[in-house]
Amino acid sequence: MHKSTRVLVAGLLALAACGPGDTARVRPNPANQKPAYFNLLALLNEQSTLLNRRQPSVEKQVLLRDGNQEITRVPKTDWEKELQIFQQADINKPALRGLYAVDSATLTSGAVRRTYRRLPGTDHPVEQLTVVSQGTKVQTITANVAQDNPLVYSAKTLEMSYRQGQLAIYRVTGVQKLILFDSVRYAVQAKVQ
């Protein structure tokens, strides 16, 4: 091997050996970054754990197709499954950073309302997420989620109300229209006892 080739290979090996260390200092670790938006999944996990430990009963009101309302009391609930639908409103994902405008307002009660609105041209089902909190305690969460493609149109509103940091009431209302079928409207409200 020629002397110039050996010098070139040694130089490349030296650069390759120190590359990752330099790169780690330039790029921050995503795990250490503060969430860009409201961390809904963390709240849902916290509430699921709390409610599974407490095992409160739930009173559910379901609006039927004929317009009648059915009320059912559920004595035991798997809260992780029960709250799973609210995960659809999660916008705190790295791929969604910068795709939602954030508006904050202080209400007369002193609570803070943060509204995350999807920017035009963003292809994500969560149109809007609104979180009202007093200090570190969430009071209400409302999300509008929609899907529109050639096969299906669906739109739903997800709502959660908290009392003293614990889930008290949650609702899901919406409409779904499959191609060649009639629209189906639905509404479910549940009160945690």
C-alpha atoms as a PDB file:
ATOM      1  CA  MET A   1       0.000   0.000   0.000  1.00  0.00           C
ATOM      2  CA  HIS A   2       1.333   3.442  -0.856  1.00  0.00           C
ATOM      3  CA  LYS A   3       2.072   5.887   1.936  1.00  0.00           C
ATOM      4  CA  SER A   4      -0.586   8.365   0.698  1.00  0.00           C
ATOM      5  CA  THR A   5      -3.239   5.624   0.622  1.00  0.00           C
ATOM      6  CA  ARG A   6      -2.363   4.577   4.186  1.00  0.00           C
ATOM      7  CA  VAL A   7      -2.650   8.179   5.371  1.00  0.00           C
ATOM      8  CA  LEU A   8      -6.034   8.555   3.642  1.00  0.00           C
ATOM      9  CA  VAL A   9      -7.373   5.282   5.141  1.00  0.00           C
ATOM     10  CA  ALA A  10      -6.077   6.236   8.616  1.00  0.00           C
ATOM     11  CA  GLY A  11      -7.724   9.648   8.320  1.00  0.00           C
ATOM     12  CA  LEU A  12     -11.069   8.151   7.266  1.00  0.00           C
ATOM     13  CA  LEU A  13     -10.944   5.637  10.113  1.00  0.00           C
ATOM     14  CA  ALA A  14     -10.207   8.431  12.594  1.00  0.00           C
ATOM     15  CA  LEU A  15     -13.172  10.447  11.310  1.00  0.00           C
ATOM     16  CA  ALA A  16     -15.462   7.419  11.439  1.00  0.00           C
ATOM     17  CA  ALA A  17     -14.372   6.623  14.985  1.00  0.00           C
ATOM     18  CA  CYS A  18     -15.213  10.063  16.337  1.00  0.00           C
ATOM     19  CA  GLY A  19     -18.356  10.652  14.219  1.00  0.00           C
ATOM     20  CA  PRO A  20     -21.079   9.197  16.461  1.00  0.00           C
ATOM     21  CA  GLY A  21     -19.883  11.021  19.542  1.00  0.00           C
ATOM     22  CA  ASP A  22     -19.951  14.335  17.723  1.00  0.00           C
ATOM     23  CA  THR A  23     -23.381  13.568  16.268  1.00  0.00           C
ATOM     24  CA  ALA A  24     -24.828  12.762  19.700  1.00  0.00           C
ATOM     25  CA  ARG A  25     -23.749  16.179  20.955  1.00  0.00           C
ATOM     26  CA  VAL A  26     -25.325  17.961  17.993  1.00  0.00           C
ATOM     27  CA  ARG A  27     -28.722  16.221  18.058  1.00  0.00           C
ATOM     28  CA  PRO A  28     -30.725  16.251  21.310  1.00  0.00           C
ATOM     29  CA  ASN A  29     -32.134  12.943  22.495  1.00  0.00           C
ATOM     30  CA  PRO A  30     -35.882  12.863  21.563  1.00  0.00           C
ATOM     31  CA  ALA A  31     -36.639  11.057  24.832  1.00  0.00           C
ATOM     32  CA  ASN A  32     -35.385  14.108  26.743  1.00  0.00           C
ATOM     33  CA  GLN A  33     -37.441  16.609  24.755  1.00  0.00           C
ATOM     34  CA  LYS A  34     -40.499  18.210  26.287  1.00  0.00           C
ATOM     35  CA  PRO A  35     -43.729  17.079  24.561  1.00  0.00           C
ATOM     36  CA  ALA A  36     -44.713  19.461  21.764  1.00  0.00           C
ATOM     37  CA  TYR A  37     -48.418  19.300  22.594  1.00  0.00           C
ATOM     38  CA  PHE A  38     -50.610  18.062  25.452  1.00  0.00           C
ATOM     39  CA  ASN A  39     -49.565  14.553  26.537  1.00  0.00           C
ATOM     40  CA  LEU A  40     -52.973  12.885  26.313  1.00  0.00           C
ATOM     41  CA  LEU A  41     -51.592   9.315  26.415  1.00  0.00           C
ATOM     42  CA  ALA A  42     -49.853   9.953  29.746  1.00  0.00           C
ATOM     43  CA  LEU A  43     -53.105  11.290  31.211  1.00  0.00           C
ATOM     44  CA  LEU A  44     -55.100   8.305  29.905  1.00  0.00           C
ATOM     45  CA  ASN A  45     -52.552   5.836  31.319  1.00  0.00           C
ATOM     46  CA  GLU A  46     -52.594   7.603  34.684  1.00  0.00           C
ATOM     47  CA  GLN A  47     -56.401   7.596  34.811  1.00  0.00           C
ATOM     48  CA  SER A  48     -56.623   3.931  33.708  1.00  0.00           C
ATOM     49  CA  THR A  49     -54.274   2.889  36.500  1.00  0.00           C
ATOM     50  CA  LEU A  50     -56.130   4.999  39.076  1.00  0.00           C
ATOM     51  CA  LEU A  51     -59.579   3.777  38.016  1.00  0.00           C
ATOM     52  CA  ASN A  52     -58.535   0.105  37.739  1.00  0.00           C
ATOM     53  CA  ARG A  53     -57.283   0.348  41.313  1.00  0.00           C
ATOM     54  CA  ARG A  54     -60.480   2.059  42.551  1.00  0.00           C
ATOM     55  CA  GLN A  55     -62.940   0.059  40.365  1.00  0.00           C
ATOM     56  CA  PRO A  56     -65.852   2.534  40.465  1.00  0.00           C
ATOM     57  CA  SER A  57     -69.115   1.609  38.805  1.00  0.00           C
ATOM     58  CA  VAL A  58     -70.144   3.420  35.637  1.00  0.00           C
ATOM     59  CA  GLU A  59     -73.574   4.586  34.528  1.00  0.00           C
ATOM     60  CA  LYS A  60     -73.791   4.640  30.726  1.00  0.00           C
ATOM     61  CA  GLN A  61     -76.440   6.364  28.644  1.00  0.00           C
ATOM     62  CA  VAL A  62     -76.653   5.235  25.026  1.00  0.00           C
ATOM     63  CA  LEU A  63     -78.755   6.958  22.381  1.00  0.00           C
ATOM     64  CA  LEU A  64     -80.332   4.261  20.214  1.00  0.00           C
ATOM     65  CA  ARG A  65     -81.153   4.496  16.487  1.00  0.00           C
ATOM     66  CA  ASP A  66     -84.853   4.990  17.195  1.00  0.00           C
ATOM     67  CA  GLY A  67     -84.081   8.027  19.376  1.00  0.00           C
ATOM     68  CA  ASN A  68     -84.716   6.265  22.673  1.00  0.00           C
ATOM     69  CA  GLN A  69     -82.136   6.305  25.407  1.00  0.00           C
ATOM     70  CA  GLU A  70     -80.910   3.240  27.270  1.00  0.00           C
ATOM     71  CA  ILE A  71     -79.239   3.515  30.680  1.00  0.00           C
ATOM     72  CA  THR A  72     -76.994   0.758  32.002  1.00  0.00           C
ATOM     73  CA  ARG A  73     -74.934   0.447  35.175  1.00  0.00           C
ATOM     74  CA  VAL A  74     -71.603  -1.352  34.701  1.00  0.00           C
ATOM     75  CA  PRO A  75     -70.148  -2.567  38.023  1.00  0.00           C
ATOM     76  CA  LYS A  76     -66.647  -3.491  36.780  1.00  0.00           C
ATOM     77  CA  THR A  77     -64.714  -1.942  33.908  1.00  0.00           C
ATOM     78  CA  ASP A  78     -61.371  -2.552  32.231  1.00  0.00           C
ATOM     79  CA  TRP A  79     -60.394   1.109  32.091  1.00  0.00           C
ATOM     80  CA  GLU A  80     -57.550   0.680  29.640  1.00  0.00           C
ATOM     81  CA  LYS A  81     -60.030  -0.678  27.063  1.00  0.00           C
ATOM     82  CA  GLU A  82     -62.774   1.745  28.103  1.00  0.00           C
ATOM     83  CA  LEU A  83     -60.633   4.837  27.492  1.00  0.00           C
ATOM     84  CA  GLN A  84     -58.930   3.473  24.375  1.00  0.00           C
ATOM     85  CA  ILE A  85     -61.153   5.474  22.009  1.00  0.00           C
ATOM     86  CA  PHE A  86     -59.740   8.705  23.454  1.00  0.00           C
ATOM     87  CA  GLN A  87     -56.267   7.711  22.212  1.00  0.00           C
ATOM     88  CA  GLN A  88     -57.526   8.691  18.755  1.00  0.00           C
ATOM     89  CA  ALA A  89     -57.220  12.323  19.873  1.00  0.00           C
ATOM     90  CA  ASP A  90     -53.471  12.055  20.561  1.00  0.00           C
ATOM     91  CA  ILE A  91     -51.521  14.682  18.624  1.00  0.00           C
ATOM     92  CA  ASN A  92     -48.334  14.482  20.686  1.00  0.00           C
ATOM     93  CA  LYS A  93     -46.327  12.515  18.114  1.00  0.00           C
ATOM     94  CA  PRO A  94     -42.984  13.542  16.614  1.00  0.00           C
ATOM     95  CA  ALA A  95     -44.434  13.403  13.073  1.00  0.00           C
ATOM     96  CA  LEU A  96     -47.092  15.990  14.034  1.00  0.00           C
ATOM     97  CA  ARG A  97     -44.741  18.615  15.530  1.00  0.00           C
ATOM     98  CA  GLY A  98     -45.467  22.002  14.025  1.00  0.00           C
ATOM     99  CA  LEU A  99     -48.685  20.868  12.331  1.00  0.00           C
ATOM    100  CA  TYR A 100     -51.029  22.326  14.974  1.00  0.00           C
ATOM    101  CA  ALA A 101     -51.457  25.957  15.970  1.00  0.00           C
ATOM    102  CA  VAL A 102     -51.716  26.478  19.733  1.00  0.00           C
ATOM    103  CA  ASP A 103     -53.929  29.174  21.255  1.00  0.00           C
ATOM    104  CA  SER A 104     -53.964  29.824  25.003  1.00  0.00           C
ATOM    105  CA  ALA A 105     -56.447  31.866  26.997  1.00  0.00           C
ATOM    106  CA  THR A 106     -56.962  32.435  30.699  1.00  0.00           C
ATOM    107  CA  LEU A 107     -60.622  32.080  31.648  1.00  0.00           C
ATOM    108  CA  THR A 108     -62.380  34.209  34.273  1.00  0.00           C
ATOM    109  CA  SER A 109     -62.168  31.248  36.684  1.00  0.00           C
ATOM    110  CA  GLY A 110     -58.365  31.372  36.424  1.00  0.00           C
ATOM    111  CA  ALA A 111     -58.248  28.139  34.431  1.00  0.00           C
ATOM    112  CA  VAL A 112     -56.203  28.024  31.225  1.00  0.00           C
ATOM    113  CA  ARG A 113     -57.734  26.850  27.949  1.00  0.00           C
ATOM    114  CA  ARG A 114     -55.312  25.575  25.309  1.00  0.00           C
ATOM    115  CA  THR A 115     -56.682  24.853  21.865  1.00  0.00           C
ATOM    116  CA  TYR A 116     -54.637  22.915  19.328  1.00  0.00           C
ATOM    117  CA  ARG A 117     -55.962  23.450  15.774  1.00  0.00           C
ATOM    118  CA  ARG A 118     -54.813  21.465  12.776  1.00  0.00           C
ATOM    119  CA  LEU A 119     -53.098  23.684  10.217  1.00  0.00           C
ATOM    120  CA  PRO A 120     -54.479  23.753   6.648  1.00  0.00           C
ATOM    121  CA  GLY A 121     -53.023  21.022   4.452  1.00  0.00           C
ATOM    122  CA  THR A 122     -52.305  18.707   7.405  1.00  0.00           C
ATOM    123  CA  ASP A 123     -53.460  15.134   6.833  1.00  0.00           C
ATOM    124  CA  HIS A 124     -54.364  13.923  10.322  1.00  0.00           C
ATOM    125  CA  PRO A 125     -57.837  13.048  11.665  1.00  0.00           C
ATOM    126  CA  VAL A 126     -57.673  15.260  14.793  1.00  0.00           C
ATOM    127  CA  GLU A 127     -59.071  18.608  13.706  1.00  0.00           C
ATOM    128  CA  GLN A 128     -58.964  20.243  17.123  1.00  0.00           C
ATOM    129  CA  LEU A 129     -58.057  19.383  20.720  1.00  0.00           C
ATOM    130  CA  THR A 130     -59.028  21.683  23.589  1.00  0.00           C
ATOM    131  CA  VAL A 131     -57.705  21.221  27.120  1.00  0.00           C
ATOM    132  CA  VAL A 132     -58.880  23.299  30.094  1.00  0.00           C
ATOM    133  CA  SER A 133     -56.759  23.010  33.220  1.00  0.00           C
ATOM    134  CA  GLN A 134     -56.380  24.701  36.569  1.00  0.00           C
ATOM    135  CA  GLY A 135     -52.739  24.521  37.588  1.00  0.00           C
ATOM    136  CA  THR A 136     -51.636  20.944  36.909  1.00  0.00           C
ATOM    137  CA  LYS A 137     -55.162  19.477  37.109  1.00  0.00           C
ATOM    138  CA  VAL A 138     -57.115  18.908  33.902  1.00  0.00           C
ATOM    139  CA  GLN A 139     -60.762  19.980  34.042  1.00  0.00           C
ATOM    140  CA  THR A 140     -62.005  19.169  30.541  1.00  0.00           C
ATOM    141  CA  ILE A 141     -60.744  17.760  27.260  1.00  0.00           C
ATOM    142  CA  THR A 142     -62.649  18.032  23.981  1.00  0.00           C
ATOM    143  CA  ALA A 143     -61.484  16.673  20.631  1.00  0.00           C
ATOM    144  CA  ASN A 144     -62.977  16.733  17.147  1.00  0.00           C
ATOM    145  CA  VAL A 145     -61.833  13.789  15.034  1.00  0.00           C
ATOM    146  CA  ALA A 146     -62.875  13.249  11.411  1.00  0.00           C
ATOM    147  CA  GLN A 147     -62.094  10.904   8.547  1.00  0.00           C
ATOM    148  CA  ASP A 148     -63.228  11.464   4.988  1.00  0.00           C
ATOM    149  CA  ASN A 149     -62.300   9.195   2.097  1.00  0.00           C
ATOM    150  CA  PRO A 150     -64.184   7.591  -0.830  1.00  0.00           C
ATOM    151  CA  LEU A 151     -65.372   4.651   1.323  1.00  0.00           C
ATOM    152  CA  VAL A 152     -66.259   6.241   4.645  1.00  0.00           C
ATOM    153  CA  TYR A 153     -66.988   9.534   6.298  1.00  0.00           C
ATOM    154  CA  SER A 154     -66.929   9.727  10.062  1.00  0.00           C
ATOM    155  CA  ALA A 155     -66.842  12.579  12.523  1.00  0.00           C
ATOM    156  CA  LYS A 156     -66.879  12.342  16.286  1.00  0.00           C
ATOM    157  CA  THR A 157     -66.532  14.543  19.313  1.00  0.00           C
ATOM    158  CA  LEU A 158     -64.720  13.099  22.320  1.00  0.00           C
ATOM    159  CA  GLU A 159     -65.229  14.788  25.687  1.00  0.00           C
ATOM    160  CA  MET A 160     -63.827  14.130  29.152  1.00  0.00           C
ATOM    161  CA  SER A 161     -64.628  16.041  32.354  1.00  0.00           C
ATOM    162  CA  TYR A 162     -62.531  15.747  35.493  1.00  0.00           C
ATOM    163  CA  ARG A 163     -63.319  16.516  39.120  1.00  0.00           C
ATOM    164  CA  GLN A 164     -60.371  16.995  41.474  1.00  0.00           C
ATOM    165  CA  GLY A 165     -57.999  15.374  39.005  1.00  0.00           C
ATOM    166  CA  GLN A 166     -60.147  12.277  38.438  1.00  0.00           C
ATOM    167  CA  LEU A 167     -62.299  11.371  35.465  1.00  0.00           C
ATOM    168  CA  ALA A 168     -65.970  12.087  36.243  1.00  0.00           C
ATOM    169  CA  ILE A 169     -67.854  12.106  32.913  1.00  0.00           C
ATOM    170  CA  TYR A 170     -66.936  11.118  29.365  1.00  0.00           C
ATOM    171  CA  ARG A 171     -68.888  11.320  26.112  1.00  0.00           C
ATOM    172  CA  VAL A 172     -68.537  10.195  22.528  1.00  0.00           C
ATOM    173  CA  THR A 173     -70.936  11.555  19.912  1.00  0.00           C
ATOM    174  CA  GLY A 174     -70.647  11.170  16.187  1.00  0.00           C
ATOM    175  CA  VAL A 175     -71.830  10.148  12.776  1.00  0.00           C
ATOM    176  CA  GLN A 176     -70.572   7.522  10.363  1.00  0.00           C
ATOM    177  CA  LYS A 177     -71.493   7.128   6.701  1.00  0.00           C
ATOM    178  CA  LEU A 178     -70.303   4.164   4.667  1.00  0.00           C
ATOM    179  CA  ILE A 179     -70.617   4.252   0.890  1.00  0.00           C
ATOM    180  CA  LEU A 180     -74.006   2.838  -0.211  1.00  0.00           C
ATOM    181  CA  PHE A 181     -75.356   2.868   3.382  1.00  0.00           C
ATOM    182  CA  ASP A 182     -77.312   5.346   5.462  1.00  0.00           C
ATOM    183  CA  SER A 183     -75.616   7.554   8.021  1.00  0.00           C
ATOM    184  CA  VAL A 184     -75.485   6.214  11.549  1.00  0.00           C
ATOM    185  CA  ARG A 185     -75.504   8.669  14.440  1.00  0.00           C
ATOM    186  CA  TYR A 186     -74.407   7.615  17.902  1.00  0.00           C
ATOM    187  CA  ALA A 187     -74.017   9.107  21.362  1.00  0.00           C
ATOM    188  CA  VAL A 188     -72.685   7.543  24.553  1.00  0.00           C
ATOM    189  CA  GLN A 189     -72.244   9.286  27.883  1.00  0.00           C
ATOM    190  CA  ALA A 190     -70.812   7.708  31.003  1.00  0.00           C
ATOM    191  CA  LYS A 191     -70.650   8.900  34.603  1.00  0.00           C
ATOM    192  CA  VAL A 192     -68.021   7.497  36.912  1.00  0.00           C
ATOM    193  CA  GLN A 193     -69.627   6.799  40.306  1.00  0.00           C
END
